[in-house]
Protein backbone atom coordinates (compact mmCIF):
# COMPACT_ATOMS: atom_id res chain seq x y z
CA MET A 1 227.96 -0.09 186.90
CA LYS A 2 230.87 1.35 188.87
CA ARG A 3 230.46 1.63 192.62
CA LYS A 4 232.51 2.26 195.72
CA VAL A 5 232.04 0.58 199.10
CA LEU A 6 229.83 2.39 201.59
CA ALA A 7 231.71 4.31 204.30
CA LEU A 8 229.76 3.52 207.46
CA LEU A 9 231.97 5.19 210.05
CA LEU A 10 230.01 8.15 211.36
CA THR A 11 231.50 11.52 212.32
CA ALA A 12 231.57 12.94 215.85
CA ALA A 13 228.23 13.96 217.33
CA LEU A 14 226.79 17.39 216.75
CA GLY A 15 224.48 16.96 219.71
CA CYS A 16 221.26 17.40 217.73
CA ALA A 17 218.24 15.14 217.78
CA LEU A 18 216.41 13.89 214.73
CA ALA A 19 212.64 13.69 214.90
CA CYS A 20 210.49 11.43 212.81
CA PRO A 21 208.24 13.55 210.56
CA ALA A 22 204.57 13.81 211.32
CA PHE A 23 202.45 12.47 208.50
CA ALA A 24 198.77 12.53 207.69
CA ALA A 25 196.76 9.37 208.12
CA GLU A 26 194.29 7.61 205.86
CA ASN A 27 192.54 4.37 206.64
CA GLN A 28 192.39 2.54 203.35
CA LEU A 29 194.05 2.09 199.99
CA PRO A 30 192.30 2.83 196.69
CA PHE A 31 193.84 -0.23 194.98
CA THR A 32 191.82 -3.27 194.03
CA ASP A 33 194.85 -5.60 194.05
CA VAL A 34 195.90 -5.08 197.70
CA SER A 35 193.52 -6.70 200.17
CA THR A 36 193.54 -5.74 203.83
CA ASP A 37 194.98 -9.15 204.73
CA TYR A 38 197.91 -8.83 202.31
CA TRP A 39 201.15 -9.18 204.29
CA ALA A 40 202.47 -5.71 203.34
CA TYR A 41 199.15 -3.84 203.48
CA SER A 42 200.11 -1.57 206.39
CA MET A 43 203.48 -0.77 204.82
CA ILE A 44 201.91 0.05 201.46
CA LEU A 45 199.27 2.18 203.18
CA TYR A 46 201.94 4.07 205.13
CA SER A 47 204.06 4.76 202.05
CA TYR A 48 201.06 5.71 199.92
CA GLN A 49 199.41 8.02 202.43
CA ASN A 50 202.71 9.82 203.00
CA ASN A 51 203.30 10.40 199.28
CA LEU A 52 206.34 8.15 199.02
CA VAL A 53 204.84 5.90 196.36
CA LYS A 54 201.87 5.86 194.01
CA GLY A 55 200.03 3.08 192.25
CA LYS A 56 201.07 1.73 188.87
CA THR A 57 197.59 2.81 187.79
CA ALA A 58 194.79 4.58 189.60
CA ALA A 59 193.28 1.22 190.53
CA GLU A 60 196.33 -1.04 190.97
CA PHE A 61 199.45 -0.93 193.10
CA GLN A 62 200.88 -4.15 191.61
CA PRO A 63 202.76 -5.17 194.77
CA GLU A 64 204.46 -8.17 193.18
CA SER A 65 205.89 -6.25 190.23
CA PRO A 66 209.53 -5.10 190.34
CA MET A 67 210.66 -1.65 191.38
CA THR A 68 213.18 -0.02 189.08
CA VAL A 69 216.49 1.45 190.18
CA GLY A 70 215.31 4.94 189.29
CA GLN A 71 212.06 4.61 191.20
CA TYR A 72 213.79 3.31 194.31
CA LEU A 73 216.46 6.01 194.26
CA THR A 74 213.87 8.73 193.76
CA VAL A 75 211.92 7.63 196.83
CA LEU A 76 215.11 7.42 198.88
CA TYR A 77 215.89 10.94 197.76
CA ARG A 78 212.48 12.16 198.94
CA ILE A 79 213.07 10.46 202.28
CA GLY A 80 216.52 11.99 202.58
CA VAL A 81 215.15 15.48 201.97
CA GLU A 82 212.39 14.90 204.54
CA LEU A 83 214.92 13.66 207.10
CA LYS A 84 217.34 16.53 206.41
CA ALA A 85 220.18 14.41 205.07
CA GLY A 86 221.81 17.45 203.50
CA TYR A 87 220.38 16.85 200.03
CA PRO A 88 219.40 19.82 197.88
CA ASP A 89 215.62 20.16 197.70
CA LYS A 90 215.07 19.15 194.08
CA ALA A 91 211.73 18.36 192.49
CA THR A 92 211.26 14.61 191.94
CA THR A 93 208.30 14.66 189.59
CA GLY A 94 208.20 14.76 185.81
CA SER A 95 211.63 14.52 184.22
CA ASN A 96 213.23 15.83 187.42
CA TRP A 97 213.16 12.34 188.96
CA LEU A 98 216.28 11.47 186.96
CA GLU A 99 218.23 14.36 188.45
CA ALA A 100 217.29 13.22 191.95
CA ALA A 101 218.18 9.60 191.19
CA ASN A 102 221.53 10.62 189.72
CA TYR A 103 222.23 12.65 192.84
CA MET A 104 221.77 9.51 194.94
CA CYS A 105 224.19 7.67 192.68
CA THR A 106 226.77 10.40 193.13
CA GLN A 107 226.38 10.23 196.90
CA SER A 108 227.12 6.52 196.91
CA GLY A 109 229.88 6.57 194.31
CA THR A 110 227.78 4.88 191.67
CA VAL A 111 227.66 5.64 187.96
CA LEU A 112 224.51 4.60 186.08
CA THR A 113 223.25 5.37 182.62
CA GLU A 114 219.68 6.51 182.12
CA ALA A 115 218.89 3.12 180.58
CA GLU A 116 220.12 1.37 183.74
CA MET A 117 217.72 3.47 185.81
CA TYR A 118 214.87 1.54 184.20
CA LEU A 119 216.23 -1.86 185.21
CA PRO A 120 214.80 -3.69 188.25
CA VAL A 121 216.74 -2.95 191.42
CA THR A 122 218.24 -5.99 193.15
CA ARG A 123 217.87 -6.71 196.84
CA GLU A 124 221.55 -6.08 197.53
CA GLU A 125 221.37 -2.77 195.66
CA MET A 126 218.31 -1.92 197.72
CA ALA A 127 220.30 -2.43 200.93
CA TYR A 128 223.35 -0.58 199.62
CA PHE A 129 221.50 2.55 198.57
CA GLY A 130 219.25 2.49 201.64
CA ALA A 131 222.23 2.21 203.97
CA ASN A 132 223.94 5.13 202.23
CA MET A 133 220.88 7.32 202.65
CA VAL A 134 220.62 6.49 206.37
CA ALA A 135 224.36 7.12 206.79
CA SER A 136 223.87 10.58 205.25
CA VAL A 137 221.11 11.34 207.75
CA CYS A 138 223.35 10.23 210.60
CA GLN A 139 226.33 12.24 209.45
CA GLU A 140 224.24 15.36 208.97
CA SER A 141 222.55 15.10 212.38
CA GLY A 142 225.42 13.70 214.44
CA THR A 143 223.49 10.58 215.37
CA ALA A 144 224.01 6.85 215.13
CA PRO A 145 221.41 4.10 214.69
CA VAL A 146 221.00 1.57 217.47
CA VAL A 147 222.15 -1.93 216.55
CA LEU A 148 219.10 -4.12 217.06
CA ARG A 149 220.46 -7.51 216.03
CA THR A 150 223.61 -9.28 214.98
CA GLY A 151 224.39 -12.19 212.74
CA ALA A 152 224.39 -12.78 209.01
CA PHE A 153 222.14 -14.25 206.37
CA ALA A 154 222.57 -17.90 205.48
CA ASP A 155 223.57 -16.90 201.96
CA SER A 156 225.72 -13.89 202.86
CA GLY A 157 228.50 -15.48 200.84
CA ALA A 158 226.43 -14.79 197.73
CA VAL A 159 226.32 -11.04 198.37
CA THR A 160 228.54 -9.03 196.03
CA ALA A 161 231.65 -8.10 198.02
CA GLU A 162 231.24 -4.33 197.65
CA TYR A 163 227.70 -4.53 199.02
CA LEU A 164 228.31 -6.91 201.94
CA GLU A 165 229.16 -4.29 204.58
CA ALA A 166 226.08 -2.26 203.71
CA VAL A 167 223.80 -5.32 203.68
CA ASN A 168 225.01 -6.45 207.11
CA TRP A 169 224.78 -2.96 208.61
CA PHE A 170 221.34 -2.20 207.19
CA TYR A 171 220.12 -5.54 208.54
CA SER A 172 221.61 -4.90 211.98
CA ILE A 173 219.77 -1.57 212.39
CA GLY A 174 216.41 -2.92 211.23
CA GLY A 175 216.29 -1.61 207.68
CA ILE A 176 215.82 -4.98 206.03
CA GLY A 177 214.96 -8.55 206.85
CA GLY A 178 215.33 -11.84 205.08
CA TYR A 179 213.22 -14.79 204.05
CA PRO A 180 211.87 -17.38 206.51
CA ASP A 181 214.66 -19.78 205.57
CA GLY A 182 217.28 -17.29 206.74
CA THR A 183 218.41 -16.23 203.27
CA PHE A 184 218.58 -12.76 201.78
CA ARG A 185 218.67 -13.70 198.07
CA PRO A 186 220.84 -10.70 197.21
CA GLN A 187 220.57 -10.86 193.43
CA GLY A 188 216.81 -11.28 193.50
CA THR A 189 214.59 -8.56 192.08
CA LEU A 190 213.10 -6.18 194.62
CA LYS A 191 209.31 -6.21 194.53
CA ARG A 192 207.27 -3.07 195.13
CA SER A 193 205.83 -4.62 198.28
CA GLN A 194 209.34 -5.27 199.60
CA ALA A 195 210.49 -1.77 198.74
CA VAL A 196 207.74 -0.09 200.73
CA THR A 197 208.69 -2.29 203.67
CA VAL A 198 212.15 -0.72 203.58
CA PHE A 199 210.66 2.78 203.53
CA TYR A 200 208.40 1.83 206.43
CA ASN A 201 211.33 0.43 208.43
CA ILE A 202 213.35 3.60 207.93
CA PHE A 203 210.63 5.77 209.45
CA THR A 204 209.28 3.44 212.12
CA VAL A 205 212.36 1.49 213.22
CA ILE A 206 215.62 3.22 212.33
CA ILE A 207 214.77 6.90 212.80
CA PRO A 208 213.06 6.50 216.21
CA ASN A 209 216.15 4.57 217.39
CA LEU A 210 218.75 7.15 216.42
CA ARG A 211 220.77 8.58 219.27
CA SER A 212 223.71 10.91 219.75
CA ALA A 213 226.83 9.46 218.15
CA ALA A 214 228.82 10.66 221.17
CA THR A 215 226.53 8.70 223.48
CA SER A 216 226.86 5.67 221.23
CA GLU A 217 230.66 5.86 221.20
CA ASN A 218 230.77 6.16 224.99
CA GLY A 219 228.55 3.13 225.45
């Protein structure tokens, strides 16, 4: 895999506001393997009811199974289109998912083979691609995300160098969190339950906290 480091410096403000999309609401999941007391139930429900993810089968979501690179990129693409990140409005179903996933790779300077799209996405890749998508939204709308927290993960030294800036930035704006022991475990496999948490954070934490980049630069 060949990648380039994320450029996080945003352009000057265009003075436009970005609204969080209005979604339909359902009250329960159809999956037998996600109980209402499961830690990510509300995040899975949000992502499912808003057509960001589906179950592995009609009856199972399989929250502890890994999410593939292609699946993750395809969902990020859908989110980017919804949030007007400047992406072309491609179909993401059927064989068209690969075109959308490849577009996300191009945007982030990444080259992947089709075979690599079927590999599990790592947690540091999750942060890298997620940060790039949010940066595209910000550049297109002339906004900047509010920094909600500072600091680094206890194992930040284990993050691949080309991903470190993106991991730290995505964490600071509320896109990701870590484990209770303060680690991020960057090379760990991203679970489906963790992935939907990222999607949930983008819509409910990052997007509502965007503000004019000009205002941000002026303090």
